C-alpha cells in the first residue's frame, strides 16, 4: 500500500509542477501578446501620422509654390504646350488614344 501511495504522490507532484509550468508559460505568452498589440497600435498611429504628413508635403499648391519660388520655374503658355502621342502599340497607349478620339468627337 505504501508503494502505491508513493507512486500516486510522485505522479501528483509531477502533474502539479506541469500545471504550474504551463500556467507560467501562458502568462508569459499573454504578456508578450499585450506588448505586441501595443506595438501594433503605436505603429498604426505612426503610419496614420506619416500618411497625413505625406499628403501635406505632396499638396499641389505646396509643390507649385516651391517650384516657382525656389526653382524659379514657370507654367508655360498654352501656345508652348505640345502633346506628344507615342507610336508604339502599348495597351495603355491605345486606351489613351481611344479617350482622345472620344474627346475629339464630342468637341
N, C-alpha and C. Protein backbone atom coordinates (compact mmCIF):
# COMPACT_ATOMS: atom_id res chain seq x y z
N UNK A 1 0.81 -1.20 0.00
CA UNK A 1 0.00 0.00 0.00
C UNK A 1 0.86 1.26 0.00
N UNK A 2 1.94 1.27 0.75
CA UNK A 2 2.82 2.42 0.78
C UNK A 2 3.46 2.66 -0.59
N UNK A 3 3.71 1.57 -1.30
CA UNK A 3 4.30 1.73 -2.63
C UNK A 3 3.31 2.43 -3.57
N UNK A 4 2.05 2.06 -3.49
CA UNK A 4 1.02 2.69 -4.31
C UNK A 4 0.87 4.17 -3.92
N UNK A 5 0.91 4.46 -2.62
CA UNK A 5 0.83 5.86 -2.16
C UNK A 5 2.01 6.67 -2.65
N UNK A 6 3.18 6.07 -2.65
CA UNK A 6 4.38 6.77 -3.12
C UNK A 6 4.28 7.06 -4.62
N UNK A 7 3.80 6.11 -5.38
CA UNK A 7 3.63 6.32 -6.83
C UNK A 7 2.59 7.40 -7.10
N UNK A 8 1.48 7.35 -6.38
CA UNK A 8 0.44 8.38 -6.56
C UNK A 8 0.95 9.76 -6.14
N UNK A 9 1.72 9.81 -5.06
CA UNK A 9 2.26 11.09 -4.60
C UNK A 9 3.22 11.70 -5.63
N UNK A 10 4.12 10.87 -6.19
CA UNK A 10 5.06 11.40 -7.19
C UNK A 10 4.33 11.82 -8.46
N UNK A 11 3.33 11.07 -8.87
CA UNK A 11 2.57 11.48 -10.07
C UNK A 11 1.80 12.77 -9.79
N UNK A 12 1.27 12.92 -8.55
CA UNK A 12 0.60 14.16 -8.18
C UNK A 12 1.57 15.34 -8.21
N UNK A 13 2.78 15.17 -7.72
CA UNK A 13 3.78 16.24 -7.73
C UNK A 13 4.17 16.62 -9.16
N UNK A 14 4.37 15.63 -10.01
CA UNK A 14 4.74 15.92 -11.40
C UNK A 14 3.60 16.63 -12.13
N UNK A 15 2.37 16.22 -11.91
CA UNK A 15 1.26 16.89 -12.56
C UNK A 15 1.09 18.31 -12.03
N UNK A 16 1.31 18.51 -10.73
CA UNK A 16 1.23 19.86 -10.16
C UNK A 16 2.32 20.76 -10.72
N UNK A 17 3.55 20.23 -10.83
CA UNK A 17 4.64 21.01 -11.43
C UNK A 17 4.36 21.31 -12.90
N UNK A 18 3.78 20.35 -13.61
CA UNK A 18 3.41 20.59 -15.00
C UNK A 18 2.35 21.67 -15.13
N UNK A 19 1.37 21.67 -14.22
CA UNK A 19 0.33 22.69 -14.23
C UNK A 19 0.92 24.07 -13.96
N UNK A 20 1.79 24.17 -12.97
CA UNK A 20 2.42 25.45 -12.65
C UNK A 20 3.26 25.94 -13.83
N UNK A 21 3.98 25.03 -14.45
CA UNK A 21 4.82 25.39 -15.59
C UNK A 21 3.96 25.88 -16.76
N UNK A 22 2.86 25.18 -17.05
CA UNK A 22 2.02 25.59 -18.18
C UNK A 22 1.34 26.93 -17.89
N UNK A 23 0.92 27.18 -16.66
CA UNK A 23 0.33 28.49 -16.33
C UNK A 23 1.36 29.60 -16.46
N UNK A 24 2.58 29.33 -16.05
CA UNK A 24 3.65 30.33 -16.17
C UNK A 24 3.89 30.67 -17.64
N UNK A 25 3.95 29.64 -18.49
CA UNK A 25 4.15 29.88 -19.92
C UNK A 25 2.98 30.65 -20.51
N UNK A 26 1.76 30.31 -20.10
CA UNK A 26 0.58 31.00 -20.61
C UNK A 26 0.60 32.48 -20.22
N UNK A 27 0.99 32.77 -19.00
CA UNK A 27 1.07 34.17 -18.56
C UNK A 27 2.14 34.93 -19.33
N UNK A 28 3.27 34.29 -19.53
CA UNK A 28 4.34 34.94 -20.31
C UNK A 28 3.90 35.21 -21.75
N UNK A 29 3.20 34.25 -22.34
CA UNK A 29 2.71 34.45 -23.70
C UNK A 29 1.66 35.55 -23.76
N UNK A 30 0.81 35.64 -22.75
CA UNK A 30 -0.20 36.70 -22.71
C UNK A 30 0.46 38.07 -22.58
N UNK A 31 1.48 38.16 -21.75
CA UNK A 31 2.21 39.43 -21.61
C UNK A 31 2.87 39.82 -22.93
N UNK A 32 3.45 38.85 -23.62
CA UNK A 32 4.06 39.12 -24.92
C UNK A 32 3.02 39.55 -25.94
N UNK A 33 1.84 38.91 -25.90
CA UNK A 33 0.75 39.29 -26.80
C UNK A 33 0.32 40.73 -26.55
N UNK A 34 0.18 41.13 -25.31
CA UNK A 34 -0.21 42.50 -25.00
C UNK A 34 0.84 43.50 -25.46
N UNK A 35 2.10 43.18 -25.27
CA UNK A 35 3.18 44.06 -25.75
C UNK A 35 3.13 44.20 -27.27
N UNK A 36 2.89 43.09 -27.93
CA UNK A 36 2.81 43.11 -29.39
C UNK A 36 1.62 43.94 -29.86
N UNK A 37 0.48 43.80 -29.17
CA UNK A 37 -0.70 44.59 -29.53
C UNK A 37 -0.44 46.08 -29.32
N UNK A 38 0.23 46.44 -28.24
CA UNK A 38 0.56 47.84 -28.01
C UNK A 38 1.51 48.37 -29.09
N UNK A 39 2.48 47.55 -29.47
CA UNK A 39 3.41 47.97 -30.53
C UNK A 39 2.66 48.14 -31.84
N UNK A 40 1.71 47.24 -32.12
CA UNK A 40 0.93 47.35 -33.36
C UNK A 40 0.09 48.62 -33.37
N UNK A 41 -0.52 48.95 -32.24
CA UNK A 41 -1.31 50.19 -32.15
C UNK A 41 -0.42 51.41 -32.36
N UNK A 42 0.77 51.38 -31.78
CA UNK A 42 1.69 52.51 -31.94
C UNK A 42 2.14 52.64 -33.40
N UNK A 43 2.39 51.52 -34.03
CA UNK A 43 2.81 51.55 -35.44
C UNK A 43 1.68 52.06 -36.32
N UNK A 44 0.44 51.64 -36.04
CA UNK A 44 -0.70 52.13 -36.82
C UNK A 44 -0.88 53.64 -36.64
N UNK A 45 -0.68 54.12 -35.42
CA UNK A 45 -0.79 55.55 -35.18
C UNK A 45 0.31 56.31 -35.92
N UNK A 46 1.51 55.79 -35.88
CA UNK A 46 2.62 56.43 -36.59
C UNK A 46 2.38 56.40 -38.10
N UNK A 47 1.81 55.30 -38.59
CA UNK A 47 1.52 55.20 -40.02
C UNK A 47 0.48 56.24 -40.44
N UNK A 48 -0.53 56.43 -39.61
CA UNK A 48 -1.53 57.46 -39.90
C UNK A 48 -0.91 58.85 -39.92
N UNK A 49 -0.01 59.12 -38.98
CA UNK A 49 0.66 60.41 -38.96
C UNK A 49 1.54 60.59 -40.19
N UNK A 50 2.20 59.52 -40.60
CA UNK A 50 3.05 59.62 -41.80
C UNK A 50 2.22 59.84 -43.06
N UNK A 51 1.05 59.20 -43.13
CA UNK A 51 0.17 59.43 -44.28
C UNK A 51 -0.29 60.88 -44.32
N UNK A 52 -0.64 61.41 -43.16
CA UNK A 52 -1.05 62.82 -43.09
C UNK A 52 0.09 63.73 -43.50
N UNK A 53 1.29 63.44 -43.02
CA UNK A 53 2.45 64.24 -43.37
C UNK A 53 2.74 64.16 -44.87
N UNK A 54 2.61 62.96 -45.43
CA UNK A 54 2.86 62.79 -46.86
C UNK A 54 1.85 63.58 -47.68
N UNK A 55 0.58 63.55 -47.27
CA UNK A 55 -0.42 64.30 -48.03
C UNK A 55 -0.16 65.80 -47.92
N UNK A 56 0.35 66.23 -46.76
CA UNK A 56 0.67 67.65 -46.61
C UNK A 56 1.84 68.04 -47.49
N UNK A 57 2.87 67.21 -47.52
CA UNK A 57 4.06 67.53 -48.33
C UNK A 57 3.76 67.44 -49.82
N UNK A 58 2.81 66.61 -50.21
CA UNK A 58 2.54 66.40 -51.64
C UNK A 58 1.41 67.26 -52.16
N UNK A 59 0.97 68.24 -51.40
CA UNK A 59 -0.13 69.10 -51.87
C UNK A 59 0.33 69.86 -53.12
N UNK A 60 -0.58 69.96 -54.06
CA UNK A 60 -0.25 70.61 -55.33
C UNK A 60 0.17 72.06 -55.13
N UNK A 61 -0.52 72.76 -54.23
CA UNK A 61 -0.18 74.18 -54.01
C UNK A 61 1.22 74.32 -53.43
N UNK A 62 1.62 73.41 -52.53
CA UNK A 62 2.96 73.47 -51.95
C UNK A 62 4.03 73.20 -53.00
N UNK A 63 3.80 72.18 -53.83
CA UNK A 63 4.77 71.85 -54.88
C UNK A 63 4.89 73.00 -55.87
N UNK A 64 3.76 73.58 -56.23
CA UNK A 64 3.80 74.70 -57.18
C UNK A 64 4.52 75.90 -56.57
N UNK A 65 4.29 76.16 -55.28
CA UNK A 65 4.95 77.30 -54.61
C UNK A 65 6.46 77.09 -54.56
N UNK A 66 6.89 75.88 -54.23
CA UNK A 66 8.33 75.59 -54.18
C UNK A 66 8.94 75.68 -55.58
N UNK A 67 8.22 75.18 -56.58
CA UNK A 67 8.73 75.23 -57.95
C UNK A 67 8.90 76.67 -58.41
N UNK A 68 7.97 77.54 -58.06
CA UNK A 68 8.09 78.93 -58.53
C UNK A 68 9.08 79.73 -57.70
N UNK A 69 9.10 79.52 -56.38
CA UNK A 69 9.96 80.34 -55.53
C UNK A 69 11.41 79.85 -55.50
N UNK A 70 11.60 78.58 -55.23
CA UNK A 70 12.96 78.09 -55.03
C UNK A 70 13.64 77.70 -56.34
N UNK A 71 12.87 77.18 -57.28
CA UNK A 71 13.48 76.68 -58.51
C UNK A 71 13.26 77.62 -59.70
N UNK A 72 12.57 78.72 -59.46
CA UNK A 72 12.28 79.71 -60.50
C UNK A 72 11.65 79.08 -61.73
N UNK A 73 10.75 78.14 -61.53
CA UNK A 73 10.04 77.51 -62.65
C UNK A 73 8.76 78.29 -62.92
N UNK A 74 8.30 78.24 -64.16
CA UNK A 74 7.08 78.95 -64.55
C UNK A 74 6.21 78.00 -65.36
N UNK A 75 4.92 78.21 -65.26
CA UNK A 75 3.97 77.44 -66.07
C UNK A 75 4.06 77.96 -67.49
N UNK A 76 4.26 77.08 -68.48
CA UNK A 76 4.36 77.56 -69.86
C UNK A 76 3.01 78.04 -70.38
N UNK A 77 3.08 78.91 -71.37
CA UNK A 77 1.85 79.37 -72.02
C UNK A 77 1.18 78.21 -72.74
N UNK A 78 -0.10 78.36 -72.97
CA UNK A 78 -0.85 77.30 -73.66
C UNK A 78 -0.34 77.11 -75.08
N UNK A 79 0.21 78.15 -75.66
CA UNK A 79 0.75 78.06 -77.03
C UNK A 79 2.01 77.20 -77.07
N UNK A 80 2.73 77.17 -75.96
CA UNK A 80 4.01 76.43 -75.92
C UNK A 80 3.84 74.98 -75.50
N UNK A 81 2.64 74.58 -75.08
CA UNK A 81 2.40 73.21 -74.65
C UNK A 81 2.14 72.34 -75.88
N UNK A 82 2.87 71.24 -75.97
CA UNK A 82 2.73 70.34 -77.11
C UNK A 82 2.50 68.93 -76.57
N UNK A 83 1.43 68.29 -77.01
CA UNK A 83 1.10 66.93 -76.59
C UNK A 83 1.75 65.96 -77.56
N UNK A 84 2.49 65.01 -77.03
CA UNK A 84 3.19 64.03 -77.85
C UNK A 84 2.51 62.68 -77.66
N UNK A 85 2.09 62.08 -78.77
CA UNK A 85 1.45 60.76 -78.71
C UNK A 85 2.48 59.73 -79.15
N UNK A 86 2.76 58.73 -78.31
CA UNK A 86 3.73 57.70 -78.69
C UNK A 86 3.22 56.83 -79.83
N UNK A 87 4.13 56.29 -80.59
CA UNK A 87 3.78 55.49 -81.76
C UNK A 87 3.64 54.02 -81.42
N UNK A 88 4.33 53.54 -80.39
CA UNK A 88 4.33 52.12 -80.05
C UNK A 88 2.93 51.65 -79.68
N UNK A 89 2.66 50.36 -79.89
CA UNK A 89 1.33 49.80 -79.68
C UNK A 89 1.13 49.23 -78.29
N UNK A 90 1.27 50.00 -77.27
CA UNK A 90 1.04 49.55 -75.90
C UNK A 90 -0.46 49.64 -75.59
N UNK A 91 -0.96 48.77 -74.71
CA UNK A 91 -2.39 48.72 -74.39
C UNK A 91 -2.83 50.01 -73.70
N UNK A 92 -2.00 50.55 -72.81
CA UNK A 92 -2.38 51.78 -72.13
C UNK A 92 -2.39 52.95 -73.11
N UNK A 93 -1.52 52.91 -74.07
CA UNK A 93 -1.47 53.98 -75.08
C UNK A 93 -2.71 53.90 -75.96
N UNK A 94 -3.12 52.68 -76.31
CA UNK A 94 -4.32 52.52 -77.14
C UNK A 94 -5.55 53.04 -76.40
N UNK A 95 -5.63 52.77 -75.10
CA UNK A 95 -6.78 53.27 -74.34
C UNK A 95 -6.73 54.79 -74.27
N UNK A 96 -5.54 55.37 -74.15
CA UNK A 96 -5.40 56.82 -74.13
C UNK A 96 -5.80 57.41 -75.48
N UNK A 97 -5.44 56.76 -76.56
CA UNK A 97 -5.82 57.23 -77.88
C UNK A 97 -7.33 57.14 -78.06
N UNK A 98 -7.94 56.10 -77.50
CA UNK A 98 -9.40 55.98 -77.59
C UNK A 98 -10.07 57.12 -76.83
N UNK A 99 -9.52 57.50 -75.71
CA UNK A 99 -10.06 58.63 -74.95
C UNK A 99 -9.89 59.91 -75.76
N UNK A 100 -8.74 60.07 -76.40
CA UNK A 100 -8.51 61.26 -77.22
C UNK A 100 -9.49 61.32 -78.38
N UNK A 101 -9.75 60.18 -79.01
CA UNK A 101 -10.69 60.15 -80.12
C UNK A 101 -12.09 60.49 -79.65
N UNK A 102 -12.49 59.97 -78.50
CA UNK A 102 -13.81 60.27 -77.96
C UNK A 102 -13.91 61.75 -77.59
N UNK A 103 -12.83 62.28 -77.04
CA UNK A 103 -12.83 63.70 -76.67
C UNK A 103 -12.94 64.59 -77.90
N UNK A 104 -12.30 64.20 -79.00
CA UNK A 104 -12.37 64.99 -80.23
C UNK A 104 -13.75 64.89 -80.85
N UNK A 105 -14.41 63.74 -80.71
CA UNK A 105 -15.72 63.54 -81.31
C UNK A 105 -16.77 64.40 -80.60
N UNK A 106 -16.61 64.62 -79.29
CA UNK A 106 -17.58 65.42 -78.56
C UNK A 106 -17.40 66.91 -78.79
N UNK A 107 -16.23 67.29 -79.25
CA UNK A 107 -15.95 68.73 -79.46
C UNK A 107 -16.52 69.15 -80.73
